[in-house]
């Protein structure tokens, strides 16, 4: 059976790779300070928000974005899933609620913020970004310069 799955390319997928997205802003701030990077904080509804899913697929999972992010960003996702099977731990939900109270009090999804290593807002993207991953990276780069 495993040979059949391997032959079909179904057994090993990118879902086994560790996610570059952190879930704790405190850890991200420390890493950003140590490595002189910006933080990209994304608020998403991973199991119900269609624009959030599209943003992840079209921008955040793109080679252009991931290549840039690897050396320049610390990625943080504050997810707000609704399905019972995707429910977060109580601690993670409380942390995400606190992030939303501070950075996304209107509860917009998707909502993406570029932060410095101290958590100060540098740029905001409200909603789905339709100009493609290269332009998204260019906008981040413009803030860094």
N, C-alpha and C. Protein backbone atom coordinates (compact mmCIF):
# COMPACT_ATOMS: atom_id res chain seq x y z
N UNK A 1 0.82 -1.20 0.00
CA UNK A 1 0.00 0.00 0.00
C UNK A 1 0.87 1.26 0.00
N UNK A 2 1.92 1.27 0.82
CA UNK A 2 2.80 2.44 0.87
C UNK A 2 3.46 2.66 -0.48
N UNK A 3 3.88 1.58 -1.16
CA UNK A 3 4.49 1.72 -2.48
C UNK A 3 3.50 2.37 -3.44
N UNK A 4 2.23 1.98 -3.34
CA UNK A 4 1.21 2.56 -4.21
C UNK A 4 1.04 4.05 -3.92
N UNK A 5 1.03 4.41 -2.65
CA UNK A 5 0.89 5.82 -2.27
C UNK A 5 2.11 6.63 -2.70
N UNK A 6 3.30 6.05 -2.55
CA UNK A 6 4.51 6.73 -3.00
C UNK A 6 4.50 6.93 -4.50
N UNK A 7 4.10 5.91 -5.23
CA UNK A 7 4.05 6.00 -6.69
C UNK A 7 3.04 7.06 -7.13
N UNK A 8 1.98 7.19 -6.39
CA UNK A 8 0.96 8.18 -6.73
C UNK A 8 1.32 9.58 -6.22
N UNK A 9 2.39 9.67 -5.45
CA UNK A 9 2.81 10.97 -4.93
C UNK A 9 1.90 11.47 -3.82
N UNK A 10 1.19 10.57 -3.17
CA UNK A 10 0.22 10.97 -2.16
C UNK A 10 0.72 10.82 -0.73
N UNK A 11 1.78 10.09 -0.53
CA UNK A 11 2.20 9.78 0.83
C UNK A 11 2.97 10.93 1.47
N UNK A 12 3.93 11.48 0.77
CA UNK A 12 4.72 12.57 1.31
C UNK A 12 4.26 13.88 0.69
N UNK A 13 3.74 14.75 1.53
CA UNK A 13 3.27 16.05 1.06
C UNK A 13 3.94 17.13 1.87
N UNK A 14 3.73 18.38 1.47
CA UNK A 14 4.33 19.49 2.20
C UNK A 14 3.75 19.64 3.59
N UNK A 15 2.65 18.98 3.88
CA UNK A 15 2.07 19.10 5.21
C UNK A 15 2.97 18.49 6.28
N UNK A 16 3.93 17.66 5.90
CA UNK A 16 4.85 17.08 6.87
C UNK A 16 6.00 18.04 7.18
N UNK A 17 6.20 19.03 6.37
CA UNK A 17 7.26 20.00 6.61
C UNK A 17 6.85 20.92 7.76
N UNK A 18 7.80 21.31 8.61
CA UNK A 18 7.44 22.21 9.70
C UNK A 18 7.01 23.57 9.14
N UNK A 19 6.02 24.14 9.78
CA UNK A 19 5.50 25.43 9.32
C UNK A 19 6.46 26.54 9.71
N UNK A 20 6.69 27.49 8.81
CA UNK A 20 7.52 28.64 9.16
C UNK A 20 6.75 29.66 10.01
N UNK A 21 5.46 29.44 10.20
CA UNK A 21 4.60 30.38 10.92
C UNK A 21 4.60 30.06 12.42
N UNK A 22 4.96 31.06 13.21
CA UNK A 22 4.91 30.94 14.66
C UNK A 22 3.50 31.31 15.13
N UNK A 23 3.22 30.99 16.39
CA UNK A 23 1.90 31.31 16.94
C UNK A 23 1.99 32.17 18.19
N UNK A 24 3.21 32.54 18.60
CA UNK A 24 3.39 33.36 19.80
C UNK A 24 4.19 34.61 19.45
N UNK A 25 3.59 35.77 19.61
CA UNK A 25 4.26 37.02 19.25
C UNK A 25 5.50 37.26 20.10
N UNK A 26 5.47 36.88 21.37
CA UNK A 26 6.66 37.08 22.23
C UNK A 26 7.88 36.39 21.64
N UNK A 27 7.71 35.15 21.21
CA UNK A 27 8.81 34.41 20.58
C UNK A 27 9.26 35.09 19.30
N UNK A 28 8.30 35.56 18.53
CA UNK A 28 8.61 36.23 17.26
C UNK A 28 9.39 37.52 17.48
N UNK A 29 9.01 38.29 18.49
CA UNK A 29 9.72 39.54 18.77
C UNK A 29 11.16 39.27 19.16
N UNK A 30 11.38 38.26 19.98
CA UNK A 30 12.75 37.93 20.38
C UNK A 30 13.58 37.49 19.18
N UNK A 31 13.00 36.62 18.35
CA UNK A 31 13.69 36.16 17.16
C UNK A 31 13.97 37.32 16.20
N UNK A 32 13.00 38.20 16.04
CA UNK A 32 13.16 39.35 15.15
C UNK A 32 14.28 40.27 15.65
N UNK A 33 14.35 40.47 16.95
CA UNK A 33 15.43 41.30 17.51
C UNK A 33 16.79 40.65 17.29
N UNK A 34 16.86 39.36 17.56
CA UNK A 34 18.14 38.64 17.42
C UNK A 34 18.62 38.59 15.98
N UNK A 35 17.69 38.48 15.04
CA UNK A 35 18.06 38.31 13.64
C UNK A 35 17.83 39.57 12.78
N UNK A 36 17.46 40.67 13.42
CA UNK A 36 17.25 41.95 12.73
C UNK A 36 16.25 41.81 11.59
N UNK A 37 15.08 41.30 11.93
CA UNK A 37 14.02 41.09 10.94
C UNK A 37 12.74 41.81 11.36
N UNK A 38 11.85 41.98 10.40
CA UNK A 38 10.50 42.44 10.68
C UNK A 38 9.63 41.24 11.00
N UNK A 39 8.48 41.52 11.59
CA UNK A 39 7.48 40.49 11.88
C UNK A 39 6.29 40.71 10.97
N UNK A 40 5.80 39.65 10.35
CA UNK A 40 4.58 39.72 9.58
C UNK A 40 3.52 38.96 10.36
N UNK A 41 2.53 39.69 10.87
CA UNK A 41 1.45 39.12 11.67
C UNK A 41 0.20 39.04 10.81
N UNK A 42 -0.32 37.82 10.66
CA UNK A 42 -1.50 37.59 9.83
C UNK A 42 -2.64 37.05 10.69
N UNK A 43 -3.79 37.72 10.62
CA UNK A 43 -5.01 37.25 11.26
C UNK A 43 -5.82 36.50 10.23
N UNK A 44 -6.15 35.25 10.56
CA UNK A 44 -6.87 34.43 9.60
C UNK A 44 -7.96 33.60 10.27
N UNK A 45 -8.89 33.20 9.43
CA UNK A 45 -9.90 32.22 9.80
C UNK A 45 -9.67 31.04 8.88
N UNK A 46 -8.75 30.17 9.26
CA UNK A 46 -8.22 29.15 8.34
C UNK A 46 -9.24 28.16 7.84
N UNK A 47 -10.33 27.96 8.55
CA UNK A 47 -11.28 26.94 8.12
C UNK A 47 -12.64 27.50 7.71
N UNK A 48 -12.76 28.82 7.61
CA UNK A 48 -14.04 29.41 7.21
C UNK A 48 -13.90 30.64 6.32
N UNK A 49 -12.78 31.34 6.38
CA UNK A 49 -12.60 32.60 5.66
C UNK A 49 -11.98 32.32 4.28
N UNK A 50 -12.81 32.39 3.25
CA UNK A 50 -12.34 32.09 1.90
C UNK A 50 -11.20 33.03 1.47
N UNK A 51 -11.32 34.36 1.68
CA UNK A 51 -10.19 35.23 1.32
C UNK A 51 -8.90 34.89 2.08
N UNK A 52 -9.04 34.42 3.33
CA UNK A 52 -7.85 34.01 4.10
C UNK A 52 -7.17 32.81 3.46
N UNK A 53 -7.98 31.85 3.07
CA UNK A 53 -7.43 30.64 2.43
C UNK A 53 -6.76 31.00 1.10
N UNK A 54 -7.39 31.90 0.36
CA UNK A 54 -6.85 32.33 -0.93
C UNK A 54 -5.54 33.11 -0.73
N UNK A 55 -5.50 33.97 0.28
CA UNK A 55 -4.28 34.73 0.58
C UNK A 55 -3.14 33.78 0.92
N UNK A 56 -3.42 32.78 1.73
CA UNK A 56 -2.38 31.81 2.09
C UNK A 56 -1.87 31.12 0.84
N UNK A 57 -2.78 30.62 0.01
CA UNK A 57 -2.41 29.87 -1.18
C UNK A 57 -1.68 30.74 -2.20
N UNK A 58 -2.23 31.92 -2.49
CA UNK A 58 -1.70 32.76 -3.56
C UNK A 58 -0.46 33.56 -3.18
N UNK A 59 -0.37 33.98 -1.93
CA UNK A 59 0.74 34.85 -1.52
C UNK A 59 1.69 34.11 -0.57
N UNK A 60 1.18 33.71 0.59
CA UNK A 60 2.05 33.18 1.64
C UNK A 60 2.70 31.84 1.30
N UNK A 61 2.05 31.02 0.51
CA UNK A 61 2.64 29.74 0.12
C UNK A 61 3.46 29.82 -1.17
N UNK A 62 3.53 31.00 -1.76
CA UNK A 62 4.26 31.14 -3.02
C UNK A 62 5.77 31.05 -2.79
N UNK A 63 6.48 30.60 -3.80
CA UNK A 63 7.93 30.51 -3.72
C UNK A 63 8.56 31.89 -3.52
N UNK A 64 8.04 32.91 -4.21
CA UNK A 64 8.61 34.25 -4.11
C UNK A 64 8.51 34.78 -2.68
N UNK A 65 7.35 34.61 -2.06
CA UNK A 65 7.19 35.09 -0.69
C UNK A 65 8.03 34.28 0.28
N UNK A 66 7.97 32.96 0.17
CA UNK A 66 8.70 32.12 1.12
C UNK A 66 10.21 32.34 1.02
N UNK A 67 10.70 32.54 -0.18
CA UNK A 67 12.14 32.81 -0.36
C UNK A 67 12.52 34.11 0.35
N UNK A 68 11.70 35.14 0.17
CA UNK A 68 11.97 36.42 0.83
C UNK A 68 11.83 36.30 2.35
N UNK A 69 10.75 35.68 2.78
CA UNK A 69 10.46 35.59 4.21
C UNK A 69 11.55 34.83 4.96
N UNK A 70 12.13 33.83 4.34
CA UNK A 70 13.14 32.98 4.98
C UNK A 70 14.27 33.81 5.59
N UNK A 71 14.70 34.86 4.90
CA UNK A 71 15.83 35.65 5.36
C UNK A 71 15.46 37.03 5.92
N UNK A 72 14.19 37.41 5.79
CA UNK A 72 13.83 38.79 6.14
C UNK A 72 12.69 38.97 7.13
N UNK A 73 11.91 37.92 7.35
CA UNK A 73 10.71 38.08 8.18
C UNK A 73 10.62 36.98 9.24
N UNK A 74 9.93 37.30 10.30
CA UNK A 74 9.47 36.31 11.26
C UNK A 74 7.95 36.29 11.07
N UNK A 75 7.40 35.14 10.77
CA UNK A 75 5.99 35.01 10.43
C UNK A 75 5.19 34.55 11.64
N UNK A 76 4.07 35.25 11.89
CA UNK A 76 3.18 34.90 13.00
C UNK A 76 1.76 34.83 12.47
N UNK A 77 1.08 33.74 12.81
CA UNK A 77 -0.31 33.59 12.42
C UNK A 77 -1.18 33.54 13.66
N UNK A 78 -2.17 34.44 13.70
CA UNK A 78 -3.19 34.43 14.74
C UNK A 78 -4.46 33.90 14.06
N UNK A 79 -4.72 32.64 14.27
CA UNK A 79 -5.82 31.98 13.59
C UNK A 79 -7.06 31.94 14.48
N UNK A 80 -8.21 32.05 13.83
CA UNK A 80 -9.49 32.02 14.52
C UNK A 80 -10.41 31.01 13.83
N UNK A 81 -10.07 29.72 13.94
CA UNK A 81 -10.90 28.71 13.30
C UNK A 81 -12.25 28.58 14.00
N UNK A 82 -13.24 28.08 13.27
CA UNK A 82 -14.58 27.92 13.84
C UNK A 82 -14.98 26.47 14.01
N UNK A 83 -14.41 25.58 13.21
CA UNK A 83 -14.80 24.18 13.28
C UNK A 83 -14.24 23.52 14.54
N UNK A 84 -15.03 22.66 15.12
CA UNK A 84 -14.64 21.99 16.35
C UNK A 84 -13.33 21.23 16.18
N UNK A 85 -13.15 20.58 15.04
CA UNK A 85 -11.94 19.78 14.81
C UNK A 85 -10.68 20.64 14.73
N UNK A 86 -10.83 21.94 14.45
CA UNK A 86 -9.69 22.84 14.32
C UNK A 86 -9.49 23.73 15.56
N UNK A 87 -10.27 23.48 16.59
CA UNK A 87 -10.25 24.31 17.79
C UNK A 87 -8.83 24.42 18.36
N UNK A 88 -8.49 25.62 18.78
CA UNK A 88 -7.18 25.90 19.38
C UNK A 88 -7.21 25.55 20.87
N UNK A 89 -6.04 25.42 21.44
CA UNK A 89 -5.98 25.24 22.90
C UNK A 89 -6.50 26.52 23.55
N UNK A 90 -6.93 26.39 24.79
CA UNK A 90 -7.43 27.56 25.52
C UNK A 90 -6.37 28.65 25.59
N UNK A 91 -5.13 28.24 25.84
CA UNK A 91 -4.03 29.21 25.96
C UNK A 91 -3.78 29.93 24.64
N UNK A 92 -3.79 29.17 23.53
CA UNK A 92 -3.57 29.78 22.22
C UNK A 92 -4.72 30.72 21.86
N UNK A 93 -5.95 30.32 22.17
CA UNK A 93 -7.10 31.18 21.88
C UNK A 93 -7.00 32.48 22.67
N UNK A 94 -6.60 32.39 23.93
CA UNK A 94 -6.43 33.60 24.75
C UNK A 94 -5.35 34.51 24.17
N UNK A 95 -4.25 33.92 23.73
CA UNK A 95 -3.18 34.72 23.13
C UNK A 95 -3.66 35.39 21.84
N UNK A 96 -4.36 34.65 21.00
CA UNK A 96 -4.87 35.22 19.76
C UNK A 96 -5.90 36.32 20.04
N UNK A 97 -6.73 36.13 21.05
CA UNK A 97 -7.70 37.16 21.43
C UNK A 97 -7.00 38.44 21.88
N UNK A 98 -5.90 38.28 22.64
CA UNK A 98 -5.13 39.44 23.09
C UNK A 98 -4.47 40.15 21.90
N UNK A 99 -3.95 39.37 20.95
CA UNK A 99 -3.37 39.98 19.74
C UNK A 99 -4.44 40.75 18.96
N UNK A 100 -5.61 40.16 18.85
CA UNK A 100 -6.71 40.82 18.13
C UNK A 100 -7.13 42.11 18.84
N UNK A 101 -7.20 42.08 20.15
CA UNK A 101 -7.58 43.28 20.90
C UNK A 101 -6.59 44.42 20.65
N UNK A 102 -5.32 44.07 20.53
CA UNK A 102 -4.28 45.09 20.34
C UNK A 102 -4.14 45.52 18.88
N UNK A 103 -4.14 44.56 17.95
CA UNK A 103 -3.80 44.87 16.56
C UNK A 103 -4.98 44.80 15.57
N UNK A 104 -6.05 44.13 15.94
CA UNK A 104 -7.17 43.93 15.01
C UNK A 104 -8.50 44.01 15.76
N UNK A 105 -8.76 45.15 16.43
CA UNK A 105 -9.96 45.25 17.27
C UNK A 105 -11.28 45.19 16.48
N UNK A 106 -11.23 45.47 15.20
CA UNK A 106 -12.44 45.41 14.38
C UNK A 106 -12.73 44.02 13.84
N UNK A 107 -11.84 43.08 14.10
CA UNK A 107 -12.06 41.69 13.69
C UNK A 107 -12.09 41.48 12.20
N UNK A 108 -11.15 42.09 11.48
CA UNK A 108 -11.09 41.94 10.02
C UNK A 108 -10.31 40.69 9.64
N UNK A 109 -10.75 40.06 8.56
CA UNK A 109 -10.10 38.84 8.06
C UNK A 109 -10.11 38.84 6.54
N UNK A 110 -9.02 38.52 5.90
CA UNK A 110 -7.68 38.48 6.47
C UNK A 110 -7.20 39.89 6.78
N UNK A 111 -6.31 39.97 7.72
CA UNK A 111 -5.74 41.24 8.15
C UNK A 111 -4.28 40.96 8.44
N UNK A 112 -3.38 41.67 7.76
CA UNK A 112 -1.96 41.40 7.86
C UNK A 112 -1.22 42.68 8.21
N UNK A 113 -0.30 42.57 9.15
CA UNK A 113 0.42 43.74 9.65
C UNK A 113 1.92 43.46 9.64
N UNK A 114 2.67 44.42 9.14
CA UNK A 114 4.13 44.36 9.22
C UNK A 114 4.53 45.12 10.48
N UNK A 115 5.25 44.45 11.36
CA UNK A 115 5.67 45.03 12.64
C UNK A 115 7.19 45.08 12.72
N UNK A 116 7.70 46.04 13.49
CA UNK A 116 9.13 45.99 13.80
C UNK A 116 9.32 45.00 14.95
N UNK A 117 10.53 44.81 15.38
CA UNK A 117 10.82 43.80 16.41
C UNK A 117 10.27 44.17 17.79
N UNK A 118 9.79 45.41 17.93
CA UNK A 118 9.17 45.83 19.19
C UNK A 118 7.65 45.78 19.13
N UNK A 119 7.11 45.31 18.00
CA UNK A 119 5.66 45.21 17.87
C UNK A 119 4.98 46.46 17.39
N UNK A 120 5.75 47.42 16.86
CA UNK A 120 5.16 48.65 16.32
C UNK A 120 4.72 48.44 14.88
N UNK A 121 3.52 48.92 14.55
CA UNK A 121 2.98 48.78 13.19
C UNK A 121 3.77 49.62 12.20
N UNK A 122 4.13 48.99 11.08
CA UNK A 122 4.83 49.67 10.01
C UNK A 122 3.96 49.76 8.75
N UNK A 123 3.14 48.75 8.51
CA UNK A 123 2.28 48.71 7.33
C UNK A 123 1.15 47.72 7.60
N UNK A 124 -0.01 48.00 6.99
CA UNK A 124 -1.19 47.15 7.17
C UNK A 124 -1.77 46.79 5.80
N UNK A 125 -2.18 45.54 5.66
CA UNK A 125 -2.94 45.07 4.50
C UNK A 125 -4.27 44.56 5.01
N UNK A 126 -5.34 45.21 4.59
CA UNK A 126 -6.69 44.86 5.05
C UNK A 126 -7.41 44.10 3.95
N UNK A 127 -7.63 42.81 4.16
CA UNK A 127 -8.32 41.99 3.17
C UNK A 127 -7.34 41.21 2.30
N UNK A 128 -7.90 40.61 1.26
CA UNK A 128 -7.11 39.81 0.32
C UNK A 128 -6.21 40.72 -0.51
N UNK A 129 -4.96 40.31 -0.69
CA UNK A 129 -4.01 41.06 -1.51
C UNK A 129 -4.00 40.46 -2.91
N UNK A 130 -4.44 41.25 -3.88
CA UNK A 130 -4.65 40.71 -5.24
C UNK A 130 -3.53 41.02 -6.23
N UNK A 131 -2.47 41.71 -5.82
CA UNK A 131 -1.42 42.09 -6.77
C UNK A 131 -0.29 41.07 -6.90
N UNK A 132 -0.42 39.92 -6.28
CA UNK A 132 0.57 38.86 -6.45
C UNK A 132 1.70 38.91 -5.45
N UNK A 133 2.40 37.79 -5.32
CA UNK A 133 3.46 37.70 -4.30
C UNK A 133 4.66 38.61 -4.56
N UNK A 134 5.03 38.82 -5.81
CA UNK A 134 6.18 39.69 -6.08
C UNK A 134 5.89 41.12 -5.63
N UNK A 135 4.71 41.63 -5.91
CA UNK A 135 4.35 42.98 -5.47
C UNK A 135 4.22 43.06 -3.95
N UNK A 136 3.73 41.99 -3.34
CA UNK A 136 3.63 41.96 -1.88
C UNK A 136 5.03 42.09 -1.26
N UNK A 137 5.96 41.31 -1.78
CA UNK A 137 7.35 41.39 -1.31
C UNK A 137 7.92 42.78 -1.56
N UNK A 138 7.63 43.36 -2.72
CA UNK A 138 8.12 44.71 -3.03
C UNK A 138 7.60 45.73 -2.02
N UNK A 139 6.35 45.58 -1.58
CA UNK A 139 5.79 46.52 -0.59
C UNK A 139 6.50 46.39 0.75
N UNK A 140 6.83 45.18 1.13
CA UNK A 140 7.58 44.98 2.39
C UNK A 140 8.97 45.57 2.26
N UNK A 141 9.62 45.30 1.14
CA UNK A 141 10.97 45.79 0.89
C UNK A 141 11.00 47.33 0.93
N UNK A 142 9.97 47.97 0.38
CA UNK A 142 9.90 49.43 0.37
C UNK A 142 9.86 49.99 1.80
N UNK A 143 9.23 49.30 2.72
CA UNK A 143 9.18 49.75 4.10
C UNK A 143 10.55 49.60 4.76
N UNK A 144 11.26 48.55 4.40
CA UNK A 144 12.57 48.30 5.01
C UNK A 144 13.61 49.34 4.59
N UNK A 145 13.42 49.95 3.44
CA UNK A 145 14.45 50.88 2.92
C UNK A 145 14.33 52.25 3.48
